Amino acid sequence: MKLKQIATINAGYPFRGKIPEVAGAAVVAVQMKDISLTEGIQWSDCLETELTGKREPGFLTVGDILVAARGSHNYAVQVDQALASAGKQAVAAPHFFVISLKQKDILPEFMVWLLNQAPAQRYFEQNAEGTMTKSIRRSVLEDTPVVIPPLAKQRAIIAVANTLREEQRLVQKLIYNGERMMSAIAGDLFDNKEVL
């Protein structure tokens, strides 16, 4: 099955040139710098802006999926419940494709997981264009092969993926705390001029 059979895919909002910053505006633009694979969309970092183009904005809704159209990794992130708490309407920058699933029996979290896995990433890499900055066309994303298991299996896969992500966060935190402890020990040694 191809992605276009289960989803509609649109380009991000076509800002002309640099996205204008308009403090206090009712709209935010999600840019590449505002997302991460581990943390998703950092809504507090999104730029407040006004929509200057003529195109009708396709405001993001909870459950939409953003796929980076440019760069060495065409990763996917989900528009999560935090959008509502951001208190603003949001659009994706032109560097993204916005995927909206048509069927209720497909979990957006599962689709994000699937698009970030090696088979999909390999497909994007093989079909990317450009030498300096790689990019994928909308037709490439639309033709992405997908496999949709039953809902119960989707939920089980997401549960395992969430557990793994939490374990990775904990390991990163342990490493960070260990490095801080080593820096403190080194600082104490130099401050006290202790010599072994």
N, C-alpha and C. Protein backbone atom coordinates (compact mmCIF):
# COMPACT_ATOMS: atom_id res chain seq x y z
N MET A 1 0.84 -1.17 0.00
CA MET A 1 0.00 0.00 0.00
C MET A 1 0.89 1.25 0.00
N LYS A 2 0.40 2.32 -0.62
CA LYS A 2 1.16 3.58 -0.67
C LYS A 2 0.53 4.60 0.27
N LEU A 3 1.35 5.51 0.77
CA LEU A 3 0.90 6.50 1.74
C LEU A 3 -0.28 7.32 1.22
N LYS A 4 -0.27 7.65 -0.07
CA LYS A 4 -1.35 8.49 -0.62
C LYS A 4 -2.71 7.80 -0.57
N GLN A 5 -2.74 6.48 -0.39
CA GLN A 5 -4.01 5.76 -0.31
C GLN A 5 -4.68 5.95 1.04
N ILE A 6 -3.91 6.32 2.07
CA ILE A 6 -4.48 6.43 3.41
C ILE A 6 -4.36 7.84 3.99
N ALA A 7 -3.79 8.76 3.21
CA ALA A 7 -3.55 10.11 3.75
C ALA A 7 -3.59 11.16 2.66
N THR A 8 -3.88 12.39 3.07
CA THR A 8 -3.70 13.53 2.17
C THR A 8 -2.40 14.19 2.55
N ILE A 9 -1.68 14.66 1.55
CA ILE A 9 -0.35 15.24 1.77
C ILE A 9 -0.30 16.61 1.12
N ASN A 10 0.05 17.61 1.91
CA ASN A 10 0.16 18.97 1.40
C ASN A 10 1.50 19.56 1.79
N ALA A 11 1.92 20.56 1.03
CA ALA A 11 3.15 21.28 1.36
C ALA A 11 2.85 22.25 2.50
N GLY A 12 3.90 22.65 3.23
CA GLY A 12 3.75 23.66 4.27
C GLY A 12 3.33 25.00 3.67
N TYR A 13 3.07 25.98 4.53
CA TYR A 13 2.60 27.28 4.07
C TYR A 13 3.70 27.99 3.27
N PRO A 14 3.36 28.55 2.10
CA PRO A 14 4.39 29.13 1.22
C PRO A 14 4.77 30.57 1.58
N PHE A 15 5.52 30.72 2.67
CA PHE A 15 6.03 32.06 2.99
C PHE A 15 6.97 32.49 1.89
N ARG A 16 6.95 33.75 1.54
CA ARG A 16 7.88 34.27 0.54
C ARG A 16 9.08 34.83 1.28
N GLY A 17 10.23 34.19 1.09
CA GLY A 17 11.43 34.64 1.78
C GLY A 17 11.39 34.26 3.25
N LYS A 18 12.05 35.10 4.05
CA LYS A 18 12.15 34.84 5.49
C LYS A 18 10.77 34.98 6.14
N ILE A 19 10.49 34.10 7.10
CA ILE A 19 9.22 34.15 7.80
C ILE A 19 9.24 35.37 8.72
N PRO A 20 8.28 36.30 8.56
CA PRO A 20 8.31 37.52 9.37
C PRO A 20 7.92 37.24 10.82
N GLU A 21 8.66 37.82 11.75
CA GLU A 21 8.33 37.69 13.17
C GLU A 21 7.38 38.82 13.55
N VAL A 22 6.22 38.46 14.09
CA VAL A 22 5.23 39.44 14.51
C VAL A 22 4.81 39.07 15.93
N ALA A 23 5.42 39.74 16.92
CA ALA A 23 5.15 39.43 18.32
C ALA A 23 3.67 39.60 18.63
N GLY A 24 3.14 38.62 19.35
CA GLY A 24 1.74 38.66 19.76
C GLY A 24 0.75 38.21 18.71
N ALA A 25 1.24 37.77 17.55
CA ALA A 25 0.34 37.31 16.48
C ALA A 25 -0.39 36.04 16.91
N ALA A 26 -1.52 35.78 16.29
CA ALA A 26 -2.35 34.62 16.65
C ALA A 26 -1.90 33.34 15.96
N VAL A 27 -0.87 33.44 15.11
CA VAL A 27 -0.40 32.28 14.35
C VAL A 27 1.08 32.04 14.64
N VAL A 28 1.46 30.78 14.75
CA VAL A 28 2.88 30.43 14.85
C VAL A 28 3.27 29.57 13.66
N ALA A 29 4.53 29.67 13.27
CA ALA A 29 5.06 28.85 12.17
C ALA A 29 6.03 27.84 12.76
N VAL A 30 5.81 26.57 12.45
CA VAL A 30 6.71 25.50 12.90
C VAL A 30 7.82 25.38 11.87
N GLN A 31 9.06 25.59 12.32
CA GLN A 31 10.22 25.50 11.44
C GLN A 31 11.07 24.30 11.84
N MET A 32 12.07 23.99 11.02
CA MET A 32 12.95 22.85 11.28
C MET A 32 13.60 22.93 12.66
N LYS A 33 13.97 24.14 13.08
CA LYS A 33 14.66 24.31 14.36
C LYS A 33 13.75 24.03 15.56
N ASP A 34 12.45 23.98 15.33
CA ASP A 34 11.48 23.80 16.41
C ASP A 34 11.12 22.35 16.69
N ILE A 35 11.71 21.43 15.95
CA ILE A 35 11.34 20.03 16.13
C ILE A 35 12.55 19.15 16.41
N SER A 36 12.30 18.07 17.11
CA SER A 36 13.34 17.06 17.32
C SER A 36 12.67 15.70 17.34
N LEU A 37 13.41 14.70 16.97
CA LEU A 37 12.88 13.34 16.95
C LEU A 37 12.47 12.87 18.33
N THR A 38 13.21 13.29 19.35
CA THR A 38 12.92 12.80 20.70
C THR A 38 11.87 13.64 21.41
N GLU A 39 11.86 14.94 21.17
CA GLU A 39 10.95 15.83 21.91
C GLU A 39 9.74 16.28 21.10
N GLY A 40 9.70 16.01 19.81
CA GLY A 40 8.58 16.45 18.98
C GLY A 40 8.68 17.94 18.68
N ILE A 41 7.53 18.61 18.66
CA ILE A 41 7.49 20.04 18.34
C ILE A 41 7.62 20.85 19.63
N GLN A 42 8.56 21.76 19.64
CA GLN A 42 8.75 22.65 20.79
C GLN A 42 7.92 23.91 20.53
N TRP A 43 6.67 23.89 20.95
CA TRP A 43 5.73 24.97 20.62
C TRP A 43 6.20 26.32 21.14
N SER A 44 6.86 26.35 22.30
CA SER A 44 7.29 27.62 22.87
C SER A 44 8.38 28.29 22.03
N ASP A 45 9.06 27.51 21.19
CA ASP A 45 10.13 28.07 20.33
C ASP A 45 9.61 28.56 18.98
N CYS A 46 8.37 28.22 18.65
CA CYS A 46 7.82 28.57 17.32
C CYS A 46 7.65 30.08 17.17
N LEU A 47 7.95 30.55 15.98
CA LEU A 47 7.91 31.97 15.67
C LEU A 47 6.47 32.46 15.49
N GLU A 48 6.11 33.53 16.20
CA GLU A 48 4.80 34.16 16.00
C GLU A 48 4.88 34.97 14.72
N THR A 49 3.86 34.83 13.87
CA THR A 49 3.94 35.46 12.56
C THR A 49 2.55 35.78 12.01
N GLU A 50 2.54 36.51 10.91
CA GLU A 50 1.30 36.74 10.16
C GLU A 50 1.46 36.09 8.79
N LEU A 51 0.36 35.58 8.28
CA LEU A 51 0.40 34.90 6.99
C LEU A 51 0.23 35.93 5.88
N THR A 52 1.26 36.04 5.06
CA THR A 52 1.28 37.08 4.04
C THR A 52 0.90 36.58 2.65
N GLY A 53 0.93 35.27 2.45
CA GLY A 53 0.65 34.71 1.13
C GLY A 53 -0.83 34.76 0.79
N LYS A 54 -1.13 34.45 -0.45
CA LYS A 54 -2.52 34.45 -0.92
C LYS A 54 -3.20 33.11 -0.68
N ARG A 55 -2.40 32.07 -0.49
CA ARG A 55 -2.98 30.74 -0.32
C ARG A 55 -3.73 30.64 1.02
N GLU A 56 -4.84 29.95 0.98
CA GLU A 56 -5.60 29.69 2.21
C GLU A 56 -4.74 28.82 3.12
N PRO A 57 -4.55 29.24 4.38
CA PRO A 57 -3.66 28.45 5.25
C PRO A 57 -4.28 27.12 5.64
N GLY A 58 -3.48 26.10 5.60
CA GLY A 58 -3.90 24.80 6.10
C GLY A 58 -3.41 24.70 7.53
N PHE A 59 -4.22 25.19 8.48
CA PHE A 59 -3.79 25.18 9.87
C PHE A 59 -3.60 23.74 10.35
N LEU A 60 -2.59 23.54 11.16
CA LEU A 60 -2.29 22.21 11.69
C LEU A 60 -3.34 21.81 12.72
N THR A 61 -3.65 20.52 12.75
CA THR A 61 -4.56 19.98 13.75
C THR A 61 -3.87 18.82 14.46
N VAL A 62 -4.34 18.54 15.67
CA VAL A 62 -3.77 17.43 16.44
C VAL A 62 -3.93 16.15 15.63
N GLY A 63 -2.84 15.40 15.51
CA GLY A 63 -2.85 14.16 14.72
C GLY A 63 -2.19 14.32 13.36
N ASP A 64 -2.03 15.57 12.90
CA ASP A 64 -1.29 15.77 11.65
C ASP A 64 0.16 15.32 11.86
N ILE A 65 0.82 15.02 10.76
CA ILE A 65 2.22 14.57 10.81
C ILE A 65 3.04 15.49 9.91
N LEU A 66 4.14 15.99 10.44
CA LEU A 66 5.06 16.81 9.64
C LEU A 66 6.23 15.95 9.21
N VAL A 67 6.56 16.03 7.93
CA VAL A 67 7.73 15.31 7.41
C VAL A 67 8.67 16.34 6.80
N ALA A 68 9.92 16.31 7.25
CA ALA A 68 10.92 17.24 6.74
C ALA A 68 11.19 16.91 5.27
N ALA A 69 10.95 17.89 4.40
CA ALA A 69 11.12 17.67 2.97
C ALA A 69 12.58 17.83 2.54
N ARG A 70 13.35 18.55 3.34
CA ARG A 70 14.75 18.81 3.00
C ARG A 70 15.67 18.33 4.10
N GLY A 71 16.92 18.09 3.74
CA GLY A 71 17.90 17.67 4.71
C GLY A 71 18.31 16.23 4.52
N SER A 72 19.27 15.80 5.33
CA SER A 72 19.80 14.45 5.18
C SER A 72 18.89 13.40 5.81
N HIS A 73 17.97 13.82 6.70
CA HIS A 73 17.00 12.90 7.29
C HIS A 73 15.61 13.47 7.09
N ASN A 74 14.76 12.72 6.46
CA ASN A 74 13.38 13.16 6.22
C ASN A 74 12.49 12.57 7.31
N TYR A 75 12.75 13.01 8.54
CA TYR A 75 12.04 12.43 9.66
C TYR A 75 10.66 13.03 9.84
N ALA A 76 9.84 12.30 10.59
CA ALA A 76 8.44 12.69 10.82
C ALA A 76 8.23 12.98 12.30
N VAL A 77 7.38 13.97 12.58
CA VAL A 77 6.94 14.26 13.95
C VAL A 77 5.44 14.49 13.93
N GLN A 78 4.81 14.20 15.06
CA GLN A 78 3.36 14.35 15.15
C GLN A 78 2.99 15.69 15.79
N VAL A 79 1.93 16.28 15.28
CA VAL A 79 1.34 17.46 15.93
C VAL A 79 0.53 16.89 17.10
N ASP A 80 1.01 17.17 18.33
CA ASP A 80 0.42 16.54 19.50
C ASP A 80 -0.56 17.46 20.24
N GLN A 81 -1.04 16.99 21.37
CA GLN A 81 -2.03 17.72 22.16
C GLN A 81 -1.50 19.06 22.64
N ALA A 82 -0.19 19.23 22.71
CA ALA A 82 0.39 20.49 23.18
C ALA A 82 0.02 21.65 22.26
N LEU A 83 -0.41 21.36 21.03
CA LEU A 83 -0.85 22.42 20.12
C LEU A 83 -1.99 23.21 20.77
N ALA A 84 -2.93 22.51 21.37
CA ALA A 84 -4.08 23.17 22.00
C ALA A 84 -3.63 24.07 23.14
N SER A 85 -2.66 23.61 23.93
CA SER A 85 -2.19 24.42 25.06
C SER A 85 -1.33 25.60 24.60
N ALA A 86 -0.85 25.54 23.35
CA ALA A 86 -0.08 26.68 22.82
C ALA A 86 -0.99 27.89 22.63
N GLY A 87 -2.28 27.64 22.48
CA GLY A 87 -3.26 28.73 22.40
C GLY A 87 -3.23 29.53 21.11
N LYS A 88 -2.61 29.00 20.09
CA LYS A 88 -2.53 29.71 18.81
C LYS A 88 -2.80 28.73 17.68
N GLN A 89 -3.11 29.27 16.51
CA GLN A 89 -3.18 28.42 15.33
C GLN A 89 -1.77 28.28 14.79
N ALA A 90 -1.51 27.19 14.11
CA ALA A 90 -0.15 26.93 13.63
C ALA A 90 -0.16 26.48 12.17
N VAL A 91 0.91 26.87 11.48
CA VAL A 91 1.15 26.39 10.11
C VAL A 91 2.56 25.81 10.08
N ALA A 92 2.79 24.93 9.13
CA ALA A 92 4.12 24.38 8.92
C ALA A 92 4.87 25.27 7.94
N ALA A 93 6.16 25.44 8.16
CA ALA A 93 7.01 26.17 7.22
C ALA A 93 7.07 25.39 5.91
N PRO A 94 7.51 26.06 4.82
CA PRO A 94 7.53 25.38 3.51
C PRO A 94 8.47 24.19 3.43
N HIS A 95 9.35 24.00 4.41
CA HIS A 95 10.29 22.88 4.39
C HIS A 95 9.65 21.57 4.82
N PHE A 96 8.36 21.61 5.12
CA PHE A 96 7.65 20.41 5.58
C PHE A 96 6.55 20.02 4.62
N PHE A 97 6.23 18.72 4.67
CA PHE A 97 4.98 18.22 4.12
C PHE A 97 4.09 17.92 5.31
N VAL A 98 2.79 18.15 5.15
CA VAL A 98 1.82 17.88 6.21
C VAL A 98 0.97 16.70 5.77
N ILE A 99 1.01 15.64 6.57
CA ILE A 99 0.24 14.43 6.29
C ILE A 99 -0.97 14.40 7.21
N SER A 100 -2.14 14.23 6.64
CA SER A 100 -3.37 14.06 7.41
C SER A 100 -3.94 12.70 7.06
N LEU A 101 -4.03 11.84 8.06
CA LEU A 101 -4.54 10.48 7.84
C LEU A 101 -6.05 10.51 7.58
N LYS A 102 -6.48 9.70 6.63
CA LYS A 102 -7.91 9.66 6.26
C LYS A 102 -8.69 8.66 7.11
N GLN A 103 -8.00 7.66 7.64
CA GLN A 103 -8.68 6.57 8.33
C GLN A 103 -8.46 6.64 9.83
N LYS A 104 -9.51 6.35 10.59
CA LYS A 104 -9.43 6.38 12.05
C LYS A 104 -8.74 5.13 12.62
N ASP A 105 -8.61 4.09 11.81
CA ASP A 105 -7.98 2.87 12.31
C ASP A 105 -6.46 2.86 12.12
N ILE A 106 -5.91 4.05 11.87
CA ILE A 106 -4.45 4.19 11.78
C ILE A 106 -4.04 5.26 12.80
N LEU A 107 -3.19 4.88 13.74
CA LEU A 107 -2.75 5.82 14.76
C LEU A 107 -1.66 6.74 14.19
N PRO A 108 -1.80 8.05 14.37
CA PRO A 108 -0.74 8.95 13.91
C PRO A 108 0.63 8.61 14.52
N GLU A 109 0.62 8.19 15.79
CA GLU A 109 1.88 7.82 16.45
C GLU A 109 2.55 6.65 15.73
N PHE A 110 1.73 5.71 15.29
CA PHE A 110 2.27 4.56 14.56
C PHE A 110 2.87 5.01 13.23
N MET A 111 2.14 5.89 12.51
CA MET A 111 2.62 6.34 11.20
C MET A 111 3.93 7.11 11.35
N VAL A 112 4.04 7.93 12.40
CA VAL A 112 5.29 8.65 12.66
C VAL A 112 6.42 7.65 12.89
N TRP A 113 6.15 6.65 13.72
CA TRP A 113 7.15 5.62 14.00
C TRP A 113 7.57 4.92 12.70
N LEU A 114 6.59 4.53 11.89
CA LEU A 114 6.86 3.80 10.65
C LEU A 114 7.72 4.63 9.69
N LEU A 115 7.38 5.91 9.54
CA LEU A 115 8.13 6.78 8.61
C LEU A 115 9.55 7.05 9.09
N ASN A 116 9.79 6.90 10.39
CA ASN A 116 11.13 7.14 10.92
C ASN A 116 11.99 5.88 10.95
N GLN A 117 11.43 4.75 10.55
CA GLN A 117 12.18 3.50 10.56
C GLN A 117 13.04 3.36 9.31
N ALA A 118 14.02 2.46 9.39
CA ALA A 118 15.03 2.28 8.34
C ALA A 118 14.44 2.04 6.94
N PRO A 119 13.41 1.19 6.76
CA PRO A 119 12.91 0.98 5.39
C PRO A 119 12.40 2.27 4.73
N ALA A 120 11.62 3.06 5.47
CA ALA A 120 11.10 4.32 4.90
C ALA A 120 12.25 5.31 4.69
N GLN A 121 13.16 5.40 5.65
CA GLN A 121 14.28 6.33 5.52
C GLN A 121 15.17 5.96 4.33
N ARG A 122 15.36 4.67 4.11
CA ARG A 122 16.14 4.21 2.96
C ARG A 122 15.43 4.60 1.66
N TYR A 123 14.11 4.43 1.63
CA TYR A 123 13.31 4.81 0.46
C TYR A 123 13.47 6.31 0.17
N PHE A 124 13.39 7.14 1.21
CA PHE A 124 13.56 8.59 1.03
C PHE A 124 14.96 8.90 0.49
N GLU A 125 15.96 8.25 1.07
CA GLU A 125 17.35 8.49 0.66
C GLU A 125 17.56 8.11 -0.81
N GLN A 126 17.00 6.99 -1.23
CA GLN A 126 17.16 6.52 -2.60
C GLN A 126 16.44 7.42 -3.61
N ASN A 127 15.40 8.12 -3.15
CA ASN A 127 14.60 8.95 -4.05
C ASN A 127 14.81 10.44 -3.86
N ALA A 128 15.78 10.81 -3.02
CA ALA A 128 16.06 12.22 -2.77
C ALA A 128 16.75 12.83 -3.99
N GLU A 129 16.57 14.13 -4.14
CA GLU A 129 17.20 14.87 -5.24
C GLU A 129 18.11 15.94 -4.66
N GLY A 130 19.06 16.38 -5.48
CA GLY A 130 19.97 17.45 -5.06
C GLY A 130 21.30 16.88 -4.62
N THR A 131 22.33 17.71 -4.73
CA THR A 131 23.66 17.26 -4.33
C THR A 131 24.05 17.84 -2.98
N MET A 132 23.95 19.16 -2.84
CA MET A 132 24.33 19.80 -1.57
C MET A 132 23.24 19.57 -0.51
N THR A 133 22.05 20.02 -0.81
CA THR A 133 20.92 19.85 0.11
C THR A 133 19.95 18.87 -0.53
N LYS A 134 19.79 17.74 0.12
CA LYS A 134 18.88 16.72 -0.38
C LYS A 134 17.44 17.13 -0.09
N SER A 135 16.53 16.75 -0.97
CA SER A 135 15.11 16.99 -0.73
C SER A 135 14.30 15.90 -1.41
N ILE A 136 13.09 15.72 -0.90
CA ILE A 136 12.19 14.76 -1.53
C ILE A 136 10.98 15.51 -2.08
N ARG A 137 10.50 15.04 -3.22
CA ARG A 137 9.31 15.64 -3.83
C ARG A 137 8.06 15.06 -3.16
N ARG A 138 6.98 15.78 -3.32
CA ARG A 138 5.70 15.34 -2.76
C ARG A 138 5.30 13.99 -3.35
N SER A 139 5.52 13.79 -4.63
CA SER A 139 5.15 12.53 -5.26
C SER A 139 5.92 11.36 -4.65
N VAL A 140 7.16 11.60 -4.24
CA VAL A 140 7.96 10.55 -3.59
C VAL A 140 7.32 10.19 -2.25
N LEU A 141 6.95 11.21 -1.47
CA LEU A 141 6.31 10.96 -0.19
C LEU A 141 4.97 10.24 -0.38
N GLU A 142 4.20 10.68 -1.37
CA GLU A 142 2.91 10.04 -1.64
C GLU A 142 3.06 8.56 -1.97
N ASP A 143 4.14 8.20 -2.66
CA ASP A 143 4.37 6.81 -3.08
C ASP A 143 5.13 5.98 -2.06
N THR A 144 5.36 6.53 -0.86
CA THR A 144 6.06 5.78 0.18
C THR A 144 5.29 4.50 0.50
N PRO A 145 5.97 3.34 0.45
CA PRO A 145 5.28 2.09 0.80
C PRO A 145 5.03 2.04 2.31
N VAL A 146 3.82 1.69 2.71
CA VAL A 146 3.47 1.57 4.12
C VAL A 146 2.77 0.24 4.37
N VAL A 147 2.89 -0.26 5.58
CA VAL A 147 2.22 -1.48 6.00
C VAL A 147 1.42 -1.13 7.26
N ILE A 148 0.14 -1.41 7.25
CA ILE A 148 -0.72 -1.03 8.37
C ILE A 148 -1.25 -2.28 9.07
N PRO A 149 -0.69 -2.61 10.23
CA PRO A 149 -1.20 -3.76 10.98
C PRO A 149 -2.50 -3.38 11.73
N PRO A 150 -3.18 -4.36 12.33
CA PRO A 150 -4.38 -4.06 13.12
C PRO A 150 -4.06 -3.09 14.27
N LEU A 151 -5.10 -2.39 14.75
CA LEU A 151 -4.92 -1.38 15.80
C LEU A 151 -4.19 -1.91 17.02
N ALA A 152 -4.52 -3.12 17.44
CA ALA A 152 -3.89 -3.69 18.64
C ALA A 152 -2.37 -3.80 18.46
N LYS A 153 -1.95 -4.20 17.28
CA LYS A 153 -0.51 -4.33 17.02
C LYS A 153 0.13 -2.94 16.93
N GLN A 154 -0.58 -1.97 16.33
CA GLN A 154 -0.06 -0.61 16.28
C GLN A 154 0.19 -0.09 17.70
N ARG A 155 -0.80 -0.31 18.58
CA ARG A 155 -0.66 0.15 19.97
C ARG A 155 0.51 -0.53 20.67
N ALA A 156 0.69 -1.83 20.42
CA ALA A 156 1.80 -2.57 21.04
C ALA A 156 3.14 -2.03 20.56
N ILE A 157 3.26 -1.75 19.28
CA ILE A 157 4.51 -1.21 18.73
C ILE A 157 4.80 0.15 19.33
N ILE A 158 3.76 1.00 19.45
CA ILE A 158 3.94 2.34 20.02
C ILE A 158 4.37 2.24 21.48
N ALA A 159 3.80 1.29 22.22
CA ALA A 159 4.16 1.11 23.63
C ALA A 159 5.65 0.76 23.76
N VAL A 160 6.11 -0.16 22.92
CA VAL A 160 7.53 -0.54 22.95
C VAL A 160 8.41 0.64 22.55
N ALA A 161 8.00 1.37 21.51
CA ALA A 161 8.77 2.53 21.06
C ALA A 161 8.84 3.60 22.15
N ASN A 162 7.72 3.84 22.86
CA ASN A 162 7.72 4.83 23.94
C ASN A 162 8.62 4.41 25.09
N THR A 163 8.61 3.12 25.41
CA THR A 163 9.48 2.60 26.47
C THR A 163 10.95 2.80 26.09
N LEU A 164 11.29 2.47 24.86
CA LEU A 164 12.66 2.64 24.38
C LEU A 164 13.07 4.12 24.43
N ARG A 165 12.16 5.02 24.00
CA ARG A 165 12.46 6.45 24.00
C ARG A 165 12.72 6.94 25.44
N GLU A 166 11.91 6.46 26.38
CA GLU A 166 12.09 6.86 27.78
C GLU A 166 13.42 6.34 28.32
N GLU A 167 13.77 5.11 27.95
CA GLU A 167 15.07 4.56 28.36
C GLU A 167 16.21 5.40 27.79
N GLN A 168 16.08 5.82 26.53
CA GLN A 168 17.12 6.65 25.91
C GLN A 168 17.25 7.99 26.64
N ARG A 169 16.11 8.59 27.03
CA ARG A 169 16.14 9.85 27.78
C ARG A 169 16.86 9.67 29.11
N LEU A 170 16.55 8.56 29.81
CA LEU A 170 17.18 8.30 31.10
C LEU A 170 18.68 8.11 30.96
N VAL A 171 19.08 7.37 29.94
CA VAL A 171 20.52 7.15 29.71
C VAL A 171 21.21 8.49 29.43
N GLN A 172 20.58 9.34 28.59
CA GLN A 172 21.16 10.66 28.30
C GLN A 172 21.29 11.50 29.57
N LYS A 173 20.28 11.40 30.43
CA LYS A 173 20.30 12.16 31.69
C LYS A 173 21.43 11.65 32.59
N LEU A 174 21.59 10.32 32.66
CA LEU A 174 22.68 9.75 33.46
C LEU A 174 24.04 10.20 32.94
N ILE A 175 24.21 10.19 31.63
CA ILE A 175 25.47 10.63 31.03
C ILE A 175 25.72 12.10 31.36
N TYR A 176 24.70 12.92 31.19
CA TYR A 176 24.82 14.36 31.47
C TYR A 176 25.19 14.59 32.94
N ASN A 177 24.50 13.89 33.86
CA ASN A 177 24.80 14.05 35.29
C ASN A 177 26.20 13.57 35.62
N GLY A 178 26.63 12.48 34.99
CA GLY A 178 27.99 11.98 35.21
C GLY A 178 29.04 12.97 34.73
N GLU A 179 28.80 13.58 33.57
CA GLU A 179 29.75 14.58 33.05
C GLU A 179 29.81 15.80 33.96
N ARG A 180 28.65 16.22 34.49
CA ARG A 180 28.63 17.37 35.42
C ARG A 180 29.41 17.03 36.69
N MET A 181 29.24 15.80 37.20
CA MET A 181 29.95 15.38 38.40
C MET A 181 31.46 15.38 38.15
N MET A 182 31.88 14.87 36.99
CA MET A 182 33.31 14.86 36.67
C MET A 182 33.86 16.28 36.55
N SER A 183 33.08 17.19 35.95
CA SER A 183 33.51 18.59 35.83
C SER A 183 33.64 19.23 37.20
N ALA A 184 32.71 18.92 38.11
CA ALA A 184 32.75 19.47 39.46
C ALA A 184 33.98 18.96 40.21
N ILE A 185 34.27 17.66 40.05
CA ILE A 185 35.46 17.09 40.71
C ILE A 185 36.72 17.76 40.17
N ALA A 186 36.79 17.91 38.85
CA ALA A 186 37.96 18.56 38.25
C ALA A 186 38.08 20.01 38.73
N GLY A 187 36.95 20.71 38.80
CA GLY A 187 36.95 22.09 39.29
C GLY A 187 37.44 22.17 40.72
N ASP A 188 36.97 21.23 41.57
CA ASP A 188 37.42 21.23 42.98
C ASP A 188 38.91 20.96 43.08
N LEU A 189 39.39 20.04 42.26
CA LEU A 189 40.83 19.74 42.29
C LEU A 189 41.66 20.97 41.95
N PHE A 190 41.26 21.69 40.91
CA PHE A 190 42.02 22.87 40.49
C PHE A 190 41.85 24.03 41.49
N ASP A 191 40.66 24.18 42.05
CA ASP A 191 40.42 25.26 43.01
C ASP A 191 41.22 25.05 44.28
N ASN A 192 41.34 23.79 44.72
CA ASN A 192 42.08 23.49 45.94
C ASN A 192 43.54 23.24 45.69
N LYS A 193 43.91 23.30 44.40
CA LYS A 193 45.31 23.08 44.00
C LYS A 193 45.85 21.76 44.53
N GLU A 194 44.96 20.78 44.57
CA GLU A 194 45.41 19.46 45.03
C GLU A 194 46.26 18.81 43.94
N VAL A 195 47.33 18.24 44.31
CA VAL A 195 48.19 17.53 43.37
C VAL A 195 48.34 16.11 43.85
N LEU A 196 48.19 15.18 42.94
CA LEU A 196 48.34 13.76 43.32
C LEU A 196 49.78 13.40 43.47
